[in-house]
Amino acid sequence: MGFRNLFRKEMKSLFPLFAVYGIAVTAAQVIVKFKSGGWGTDAPLVISLLMPLLFAAVLTIGAGYFQLSTEWRTNTIYLLLSLPIRGWKVLTAKLVALMVLLVGTLLWVSGSFSLILLRSMWKTLFSDQVFGEIPLTMLNVAGNSLWMCLLTIVLFVMLAQFAFLCGQLVTRFRWLVALAAFFAGLWLIFRAAPLLSMLLAWLPDIRFGGELDDVIYLHSGMFVALVLLAAGLMWLNGYLFEKVVEV
C-alpha cells in the first residue's frame, strides 16, 4: 500500500466528520443571519466565523489523537503494521489527510460566511475611505495568519500522535502518560525553538500587515525552527509507531 492509497483511506474515514461539521456551521450561520438583527457586527462575526474556525482547528487536533485510538481499538492497526511501509509514512498520510480536510473546511466556512453574512455587514465593517487599502492589507494578514495557524496545528497534531504513542508504551494509566507526554513535548518545543531561532538569526524577516504604521516584522528563524522540530517529531513518531509500540 503506497502513500496515495494510505492518503485515500484516511480521507475516506475522516471526510464524514468534517462534512457534518461544515454543514452544521452553515446551518448555524443561516440562523445567525435571521436572529442577529440587534446584535451589531461583532457578535455575528465571532459566532459565525471566528468560533467555527477555532473549533475546526480543535477538531483536527482531536482527530489526530482519536484517529490512532480508533484503529487500536478496532485492531485495524495490525494491518498497517504488517505492511512493508515505514511508520513515518503512515503517520504523514494521516497528517496530510487531516490538513487537507481542515483547509477545505476553513474554505467552506469562510465561503458560506461570505455568501450568507458578509455582504450585509461589509459597509458597516469597512468605510469607503479605506476601501482601496483593505484588499492588500487583508491579503497579507490573512495569508500570513493562515500559514502560521496551519503550522501550529500541524505541530499540535504531531504532539497528539506522540502523546498517544507514548500512552501505548504502558499498560496502565495510559491517559495520564499520554497527557504528560503531550505537555512534555510542548515544553520541549517552547525551549528548543528559541535556541534554534538564534542560530537562524541571519534569515530575513516576515512583513506582517499593510500600512507602515501598523506593519510588524516577524523573525522567520522561529518558524523555520518550528518546521525543523516538526520534522524531528515526525521521525520520532514514525520510529515509535514502527519499532517500539506493541499492539
C-alpha atoms as a PDB file:
ATOM      1  CA  MET A   1       0.000   0.000   0.000  1.00  0.00           C
ATOM      2  CA  GLY A   2       1.626   3.231  -1.188  1.00  0.00           C
ATOM      3  CA  PHE A   3       1.305   6.695   0.250  1.00  0.00           C
ATOM      4  CA  ARG A   4      -1.516   7.587  -2.145  1.00  0.00           C
ATOM      5  CA  ASN A   5      -3.615   4.628  -1.027  1.00  0.00           C
ATOM      6  CA  LEU A   6      -2.957   5.435   2.619  1.00  0.00           C
ATOM      7  CA  PHE A   7      -3.990   9.026   1.992  1.00  0.00           C
ATOM      8  CA  ARG A   8      -7.216   7.952   0.280  1.00  0.00           C
ATOM      9  CA  LYS A   9      -8.009   5.607   3.160  1.00  0.00           C
ATOM     10  CA  GLU A  10      -7.615   8.402   5.696  1.00  0.00           C
ATOM     11  CA  MET A  11      -9.632  10.850   3.594  1.00  0.00           C
ATOM     12  CA  LYS A  12     -12.458   8.344   3.284  1.00  0.00           C
ATOM     13  CA  SER A  13     -12.587   7.708   7.029  1.00  0.00           C
ATOM     14  CA  LEU A  14     -12.318  11.369   8.093  1.00  0.00           C
ATOM     15  CA  PHE A  15     -14.423  13.105   5.450  1.00  0.00           C
ATOM     16  CA  PRO A  16     -17.836  12.422   7.080  1.00  0.00           C
ATOM     17  CA  LEU A  17     -16.716  14.097  10.312  1.00  0.00           C
ATOM     18  CA  PHE A  18     -15.603  17.304   8.611  1.00  0.00           C
ATOM     19  CA  ALA A  19     -18.564  17.286   6.204  1.00  0.00           C
ATOM     20  CA  VAL A  20     -21.050  17.127   9.077  1.00  0.00           C
ATOM     21  CA  TYR A  21     -19.172  19.913  10.845  1.00  0.00           C
ATOM     22  CA  GLY A  22     -19.228  22.129   7.757  1.00  0.00           C
ATOM     23  CA  ILE A  23     -22.962  21.590   7.230  1.00  0.00           C
ATOM     24  CA  ALA A  24     -23.659  22.319  10.903  1.00  0.00           C
ATOM     25  CA  VAL A  25     -21.685  25.573  10.729  1.00  0.00           C
ATOM     26  CA  THR A  26     -23.551  26.678   7.595  1.00  0.00           C
ATOM     27  CA  ALA A  27     -26.873  25.961   9.290  1.00  0.00           C
ATOM     28  CA  ALA A  28     -25.738  27.986  12.312  1.00  0.00           C
ATOM     29  CA  GLN A  29     -24.758  30.879  10.043  1.00  0.00           C
ATOM     30  CA  VAL A  30     -28.225  30.896   8.486  1.00  0.00           C
ATOM     31  CA  ILE A  31     -29.772  31.015  11.961  1.00  0.00           C
ATOM     32  CA  VAL A  32     -27.456  33.872  12.968  1.00  0.00           C
ATOM     33  CA  LYS A  33     -28.441  35.821   9.844  1.00  0.00           C
ATOM     34  CA  PHE A  34     -32.121  35.782  10.769  1.00  0.00           C
ATOM     35  CA  LYS A  35     -31.655  36.175  14.536  1.00  0.00           C
ATOM     36  CA  SER A  36     -28.928  38.822  14.715  1.00  0.00           C
ATOM     37  CA  GLY A  37     -30.989  41.909  13.974  1.00  0.00           C
ATOM     38  CA  GLY A  38     -29.909  43.831  17.074  1.00  0.00           C
ATOM     39  CA  TRP A  39     -26.588  42.128  17.743  1.00  0.00           C
ATOM     40  CA  GLY A  40     -24.368  44.632  15.964  1.00  0.00           C
ATOM     41  CA  THR A  41     -21.450  43.318  13.886  1.00  0.00           C
ATOM     42  CA  ASP A  42     -19.025  41.862  16.438  1.00  0.00           C
ATOM     43  CA  ALA A  43     -21.262  39.106  17.819  1.00  0.00           C
ATOM     44  CA  PRO A  44     -22.276  37.636  14.426  1.00  0.00           C
ATOM     45  CA  LEU A  45     -18.648  37.792  13.262  1.00  0.00           C
ATOM     46  CA  VAL A  46     -17.403  35.913  16.325  1.00  0.00           C
ATOM     47  CA  ILE A  47     -20.220  33.359  16.435  1.00  0.00           C
ATOM     48  CA  SER A  48     -20.467  32.576  12.728  1.00  0.00           C
ATOM     49  CA  LEU A  49     -16.818  32.842  11.634  1.00  0.00           C
ATOM     50  CA  LEU A  50     -14.144  33.059  14.326  1.00  0.00           C
ATOM     51  CA  MET A  51     -15.555  30.393  16.658  1.00  0.00           C
ATOM     52  CA  PRO A  52     -16.209  27.860  13.847  1.00  0.00           C
ATOM     53  CA  LEU A  53     -12.661  28.364  12.552  1.00  0.00           C
ATOM     54  CA  LEU A  54     -11.274  27.838  16.061  1.00  0.00           C
ATOM     55  CA  PHE A  55     -13.379  24.728  16.644  1.00  0.00           C
ATOM     56  CA  ALA A  56     -12.267  23.345  13.264  1.00  0.00           C
ATOM     57  CA  ALA A  57      -8.663  23.558  14.468  1.00  0.00           C
ATOM     58  CA  VAL A  58      -9.571  21.858  17.769  1.00  0.00           C
ATOM     59  CA  LEU A  59     -11.480  19.173  15.854  1.00  0.00           C
ATOM     60  CA  THR A  60      -8.415  18.498  13.696  1.00  0.00           C
ATOM     61  CA  ILE A  61      -6.093  18.156  16.693  1.00  0.00           C
ATOM     62  CA  GLY A  62      -8.526  15.860  18.478  1.00  0.00           C
ATOM     63  CA  ALA A  63      -8.945  13.749  15.352  1.00  0.00           C
ATOM     64  CA  GLY A  64      -5.170  13.322  15.220  1.00  0.00           C
ATOM     65  CA  TYR A  65      -5.354  11.523  18.563  1.00  0.00           C
ATOM     66  CA  PHE A  66      -8.608   9.582  18.209  1.00  0.00           C
ATOM     67  CA  GLN A  67      -7.670   8.538  14.681  1.00  0.00           C
ATOM     68  CA  LEU A  68      -4.958   6.285  16.119  1.00  0.00           C
ATOM     69  CA  SER A  69      -7.045   5.356  19.155  1.00  0.00           C
ATOM     70  CA  THR A  70      -9.879   4.045  16.977  1.00  0.00           C
ATOM     71  CA  GLU A  71      -7.530   1.931  14.872  1.00  0.00           C
ATOM     72  CA  TRP A  72      -6.014   0.431  18.009  1.00  0.00           C
ATOM     73  CA  ARG A  73      -9.435  -0.426  19.457  1.00  0.00           C
ATOM     74  CA  THR A  74     -10.708  -1.972  16.218  1.00  0.00           C
ATOM     75  CA  ASN A  75      -7.415  -3.830  15.602  1.00  0.00           C
ATOM     76  CA  THR A  76      -7.095  -2.338  12.101  1.00  0.00           C
ATOM     77  CA  ILE A  77      -3.653  -1.154  13.175  1.00  0.00           C
ATOM     78  CA  TYR A  78      -2.441  -4.759  12.788  1.00  0.00           C
ATOM     79  CA  LEU A  79      -2.830  -4.445   9.018  1.00  0.00           C
ATOM     80  CA  LEU A  80      -0.847  -1.206   8.855  1.00  0.00           C
ATOM     81  CA  LEU A  81       1.975  -2.576  10.988  1.00  0.00           C
ATOM     82  CA  SER A  82       2.175  -5.744   8.884  1.00  0.00           C
ATOM     83  CA  LEU A  83       2.623  -3.808   5.644  1.00  0.00           C
ATOM     84  CA  PRO A  84       6.132  -3.117   4.271  1.00  0.00           C
ATOM     85  CA  ILE A  85       5.779   0.626   4.761  1.00  0.00           C
ATOM     86  CA  ARG A  86       7.620   2.981   7.061  1.00  0.00           C
ATOM     87  CA  GLY A  87       5.928   4.261  10.185  1.00  0.00           C
ATOM     88  CA  TRP A  88       6.543   7.908   9.378  1.00  0.00           C
ATOM     89  CA  LYS A  89       4.819   7.444   6.024  1.00  0.00           C
ATOM     90  CA  VAL A  90       1.693   6.063   7.690  1.00  0.00           C
ATOM     91  CA  LEU A  91       1.554   8.954  10.143  1.00  0.00           C
ATOM     92  CA  THR A  92       2.314  11.500   7.421  1.00  0.00           C
ATOM     93  CA  ALA A  93      -0.619  10.204   5.366  1.00  0.00           C
ATOM     94  CA  LYS A  94      -2.858  10.712   8.390  1.00  0.00           C
ATOM     95  CA  LEU A  95      -1.481  14.199   8.952  1.00  0.00           C
ATOM     96  CA  VAL A  96      -1.794  15.275   5.308  1.00  0.00           C
ATOM     97  CA  ALA A  97      -5.375  13.998   5.126  1.00  0.00           C
ATOM     98  CA  LEU A  98      -6.252  15.951   8.259  1.00  0.00           C
ATOM     99  CA  MET A  99      -4.701  19.153   6.943  1.00  0.00           C
ATOM    100  CA  VAL A 100      -6.382  18.838   3.529  1.00  0.00           C
ATOM    101  CA  LEU A 101      -9.755  18.387   5.205  1.00  0.00           C
ATOM    102  CA  LEU A 102      -9.025  21.253   7.587  1.00  0.00           C
ATOM    103  CA  VAL A 103      -8.170  23.633   4.736  1.00  0.00           C
ATOM    104  CA  GLY A 104     -11.289  22.519   2.880  1.00  0.00           C
ATOM    105  CA  THR A 105     -13.373  23.133   5.996  1.00  0.00           C
ATOM    106  CA  LEU A 106     -11.845  26.578   6.517  1.00  0.00           C
ATOM    107  CA  LEU A 107     -12.626  27.495   2.908  1.00  0.00           C
ATOM    108  CA  TRP A 108     -16.172  26.168   3.262  1.00  0.00           C
ATOM    109  CA  VAL A 109     -16.818  28.077   6.497  1.00  0.00           C
ATOM    110  CA  SER A 110     -15.307  31.285   5.109  1.00  0.00           C
ATOM    111  CA  GLY A 111     -17.180  30.944   1.819  1.00  0.00           C
ATOM    112  CA  SER A 112     -20.537  30.299   3.442  1.00  0.00           C
ATOM    113  CA  PHE A 113     -19.940  33.218   5.813  1.00  0.00           C
ATOM    114  CA  SER A 114     -19.198  35.480   2.848  1.00  0.00           C
ATOM    115  CA  LEU A 115     -22.328  34.421   0.979  1.00  0.00           C
ATOM    116  CA  ILE A 116     -24.685  34.449   3.955  1.00  0.00           C
ATOM    117  CA  LEU A 117     -23.486  37.259   6.228  1.00  0.00           C
ATOM    118  CA  LEU A 118     -20.542  39.260   4.914  1.00  0.00           C
ATOM    119  CA  ARG A 119     -22.392  41.051   2.123  1.00  0.00           C
ATOM    120  CA  SER A 120     -24.828  42.585   4.597  1.00  0.00           C
ATOM    121  CA  MET A 121     -22.025  43.536   7.025  1.00  0.00           C
ATOM    122  CA  TRP A 122     -19.480  44.914   4.540  1.00  0.00           C
ATOM    123  CA  LYS A 123     -20.488  48.582   4.650  1.00  0.00           C
ATOM    124  CA  THR A 124     -20.581  48.515   8.436  1.00  0.00           C
ATOM    125  CA  LEU A 125     -17.190  46.854   8.806  1.00  0.00           C
ATOM    126  CA  PHE A 126     -15.306  48.871   6.175  1.00  0.00           C
ATOM    127  CA  SER A 127     -15.693  52.531   5.325  1.00  0.00           C
ATOM    128  CA  ASP A 128     -15.321  53.871   1.795  1.00  0.00           C
ATOM    129  CA  GLN A 129     -12.270  55.915   2.811  1.00  0.00           C
ATOM    130  CA  VAL A 130     -10.116  52.867   3.427  1.00  0.00           C
ATOM    131  CA  PHE A 131     -11.672  50.544   0.865  1.00  0.00           C
ATOM    132  CA  GLY A 132      -8.714  50.816  -1.515  1.00  0.00           C
ATOM    133  CA  GLU A 133      -6.251  49.866   1.219  1.00  0.00           C
ATOM    134  CA  ILE A 134      -8.239  46.936   2.570  1.00  0.00           C
ATOM    135  CA  PRO A 135      -7.587  44.214  -0.047  1.00  0.00           C
ATOM    136  CA  LEU A 136      -3.778  44.263   0.130  1.00  0.00           C
ATOM    137  CA  THR A 137      -3.724  44.571   3.912  1.00  0.00           C
ATOM    138  CA  MET A 138      -6.296  41.826   4.325  1.00  0.00           C
ATOM    139  CA  LEU A 139      -4.485  39.529   1.914  1.00  0.00           C
ATOM    140  CA  ASN A 140      -1.188  39.999   3.747  1.00  0.00           C
ATOM    141  CA  VAL A 141      -2.677  39.485   7.198  1.00  0.00           C
ATOM    142  CA  ALA A 142      -4.950  36.625   6.127  1.00  0.00           C
ATOM    143  CA  GLY A 143      -2.240  34.820   4.160  1.00  0.00           C
ATOM    144  CA  ASN A 144       0.390  35.050   6.880  1.00  0.00           C
ATOM    145  CA  SER A 145      -2.128  34.192   9.590  1.00  0.00           C
ATOM    146  CA  LEU A 146      -3.262  31.139   7.626  1.00  0.00           C
ATOM    147  CA  TRP A 147       0.139  29.508   7.194  1.00  0.00           C
ATOM    148  CA  MET A 148       1.147  30.342  10.770  1.00  0.00           C
ATOM    149  CA  CYS A 149      -2.037  28.764  12.099  1.00  0.00           C
ATOM    150  CA  LEU A 150      -1.603  25.704   9.882  1.00  0.00           C
ATOM    151  CA  LEU A 151       1.978  25.265  11.087  1.00  0.00           C
ATOM    152  CA  THR A 152       0.788  25.487  14.688  1.00  0.00           C
ATOM    153  CA  ILE A 153      -1.978  22.950  14.071  1.00  0.00           C
ATOM    154  CA  VAL A 154       0.474  20.576  12.357  1.00  0.00           C
ATOM    155  CA  LEU A 155       2.684  20.696  15.446  1.00  0.00           C
ATOM    156  CA  PHE A 156      -0.257  20.064  17.754  1.00  0.00           C
ATOM    157  CA  VAL A 157      -1.469  17.126  15.646  1.00  0.00           C
ATOM    158  CA  MET A 158       2.025  15.632  15.770  1.00  0.00           C
ATOM    159  CA  LEU A 159       2.085  16.166  19.530  1.00  0.00           C
ATOM    160  CA  ALA A 160      -1.285  14.414  19.791  1.00  0.00           C
ATOM    161  CA  GLN A 161       0.100  11.461  17.823  1.00  0.00           C
ATOM    162  CA  PHE A 162       3.215  11.457  20.001  1.00  0.00           C
ATOM    163  CA  ALA A 163       1.097  11.528  23.154  1.00  0.00           C
ATOM    164  CA  PHE A 164      -0.997   8.573  22.018  1.00  0.00           C
ATOM    165  CA  LEU A 165       2.045   6.501  21.048  1.00  0.00           C
ATOM    166  CA  CYS A 166       3.682   7.232  24.408  1.00  0.00           C
ATOM    167  CA  GLY A 167       0.489   6.145  26.129  1.00  0.00           C
ATOM    168  CA  GLN A 168       0.680   2.818  24.300  1.00  0.00           C
ATOM    169  CA  LEU A 169       4.099   2.140  25.830  1.00  0.00           C
ATOM    170  CA  VAL A 170       2.479   1.328  29.174  1.00  0.00           C
ATOM    171  CA  THR A 171      -0.331  -0.988  30.190  1.00  0.00           C
ATOM    172  CA  ARG A 172      -1.829   1.187  32.931  1.00  0.00           C
ATOM    173  CA  PHE A 173      -2.602   4.900  33.276  1.00  0.00           C
ATOM    174  CA  ARG A 174      -2.332   5.400  29.520  1.00  0.00           C
ATOM    175  CA  TRP A 175      -4.342   8.623  29.564  1.00  0.00           C
ATOM    176  CA  LEU A 176      -2.107  10.044  32.266  1.00  0.00           C
ATOM    177  CA  VAL A 177       1.055   9.087  30.386  1.00  0.00           C
ATOM    178  CA  ALA A 178      -0.351  10.488  27.134  1.00  0.00           C
ATOM    179  CA  LEU A 179      -1.254  13.772  28.820  1.00  0.00           C
ATOM    180  CA  ALA A 180       2.188  14.034  30.417  1.00  0.00           C
ATOM    181  CA  ALA A 181       3.875  13.254  27.081  1.00  0.00           C
ATOM    182  CA  PHE A 182       1.830  15.937  25.318  1.00  0.00           C
ATOM    183  CA  PHE A 183       2.787  18.684  27.747  1.00  0.00           C
ATOM    184  CA  ALA A 184       6.391  17.462  27.941  1.00  0.00           C
ATOM    185  CA  GLY A 185       6.664  17.648  24.151  1.00  0.00           C
ATOM    186  CA  LEU A 186       5.066  21.084  24.155  1.00  0.00           C
ATOM    187  CA  TRP A 187       7.511  22.287  26.822  1.00  0.00           C
ATOM    188  CA  LEU A 188      10.458  20.918  24.842  1.00  0.00           C
ATOM    189  CA  ILE A 189       9.318  22.743  21.706  1.00  0.00           C
ATOM    190  CA  PHE A 190       8.984  26.009  23.627  1.00  0.00           C
ATOM    191  CA  ARG A 191      12.503  25.544  24.982  1.00  0.00           C
ATOM    192  CA  ALA A 192      14.198  24.368  21.785  1.00  0.00           C
ATOM    193  CA  ALA A 193      12.574  26.701  19.251  1.00  0.00           C
ATOM    194  CA  PRO A 194      14.099  29.956  20.614  1.00  0.00           C
ATOM    195  CA  LEU A 195      17.554  28.353  20.743  1.00  0.00           C
ATOM    196  CA  LEU A 196      17.299  27.197  17.139  1.00  0.00           C
ATOM    197  CA  SER A 197      15.911  30.554  16.033  1.00  0.00           C
ATOM    198  CA  MET A 198      19.012  32.303  17.394  1.00  0.00           C
ATOM    199  CA  LEU A 199      21.140  30.121  15.126  1.00  0.00           C
ATOM    200  CA  LEU A 200      18.908  31.201  12.236  1.00  0.00           C
ATOM    201  CA  ALA A 201      19.079  34.923  13.003  1.00  0.00           C
ATOM    202  CA  TRP A 202      20.534  35.558   9.539  1.00  0.00           C
ATOM    203  CA  LEU A 203      17.220  34.700   7.859  1.00  0.00           C
ATOM    204  CA  PRO A 204      15.077  37.611   6.575  1.00  0.00           C
ATOM    205  CA  ASP A 205      12.090  38.940   8.493  1.00  0.00           C
ATOM    206  CA  ILE A 206       8.463  38.414   7.515  1.00  0.00           C
ATOM    207  CA  ARG A 207       6.358  41.515   6.835  1.00  0.00           C
ATOM    208  CA  PHE A 208       3.029  41.200   8.648  1.00  0.00           C
ATOM    209  CA  GLY A 209       0.447  43.886   7.877  1.00  0.00           C
ATOM    210  CA  GLY A 210      -0.052  46.545   5.235  1.00  0.00           C
ATOM    211  CA  GLU A 211       0.231  50.143   6.360  1.00  0.00           C
ATOM    212  CA  LEU A 212       3.582  51.471   7.542  1.00  0.00           C
ATOM    213  CA  ASP A 213       2.156  52.495  10.909  1.00  0.00           C
ATOM    214  CA  ASP A 214       0.738  49.038  11.605  1.00  0.00           C
ATOM    215  CA  VAL A 215       3.292  46.781   9.935  1.00  0.00           C
ATOM    216  CA  ILE A 216       5.079  44.195  12.083  1.00  0.00           C
ATOM    217  CA  TYR A 217       8.275  42.385  11.138  1.00  0.00           C
ATOM    218  CA  LEU A 218       8.458  38.821  12.439  1.00  0.00           C
ATOM    219  CA  HIS A 219      11.688  36.858  12.647  1.00  0.00           C
ATOM    220  CA  SER A 220      11.387  33.959  10.200  1.00  0.00           C
ATOM    221  CA  GLY A 221      14.022  31.939  12.063  1.00  0.00           C
ATOM    222  CA  MET A 222      11.465  30.981  14.701  1.00  0.00           C
ATOM    223  CA  PHE A 223       9.134  29.491  12.103  1.00  0.00           C
ATOM    224  CA  VAL A 224      11.970  27.648  10.355  1.00  0.00           C
ATOM    225  CA  ALA A 225      12.952  26.257  13.760  1.00  0.00           C
ATOM    226  CA  LEU A 226       9.380  25.033  14.275  1.00  0.00           C
ATOM    227  CA  VAL A 227       9.468  23.332  10.863  1.00  0.00           C
ATOM    228  CA  LEU A 228      12.722  21.564  11.799  1.00  0.00           C
ATOM    229  CA  LEU A 229      11.261  20.487  15.141  1.00  0.00           C
ATOM    230  CA  ALA A 230       8.149  19.234  13.358  1.00  0.00           C
ATOM    231  CA  ALA A 231      10.315  17.132  11.038  1.00  0.00           C
ATOM    232  CA  GLY A 232      12.154  15.677  14.020  1.00  0.00           C
ATOM    233  CA  LEU A 233       8.889  14.943  15.805  1.00  0.00           C
ATOM    234  CA  MET A 234       7.527  13.208  12.725  1.00  0.00           C
ATOM    235  CA  TRP A 235      10.620  10.987  12.597  1.00  0.00           C
ATOM    236  CA  LEU A 236      10.272  10.181  16.317  1.00  0.00           C
ATOM    237  CA  ASN A 237       6.591   9.353  15.930  1.00  0.00           C
ATOM    238  CA  GLY A 238       7.385   7.091  12.988  1.00  0.00           C
ATOM    239  CA  TYR A 239      10.082   5.320  14.986  1.00  0.00           C
ATOM    240  CA  LEU A 240       7.751   4.759  17.944  1.00  0.00           C
ATOM    241  CA  PHE A 241       4.972   3.588  15.654  1.00  0.00           C
ATOM    242  CA  GLU A 242       7.156   1.192  13.688  1.00  0.00           C
ATOM    243  CA  LYS A 243       9.728  -0.114  16.164  1.00  0.00           C
ATOM    244  CA  VAL A 244       8.668   0.426  19.758  1.00  0.00           C
ATOM    245  CA  VAL A 245       4.911   0.382  20.273  1.00  0.00           C
ATOM    246  CA  GLU A 246       3.288  -3.023  20.641  1.00  0.00           C
ATOM    247  CA  VAL A 247      -0.320  -3.780  19.734  1.00  0.00           C
END
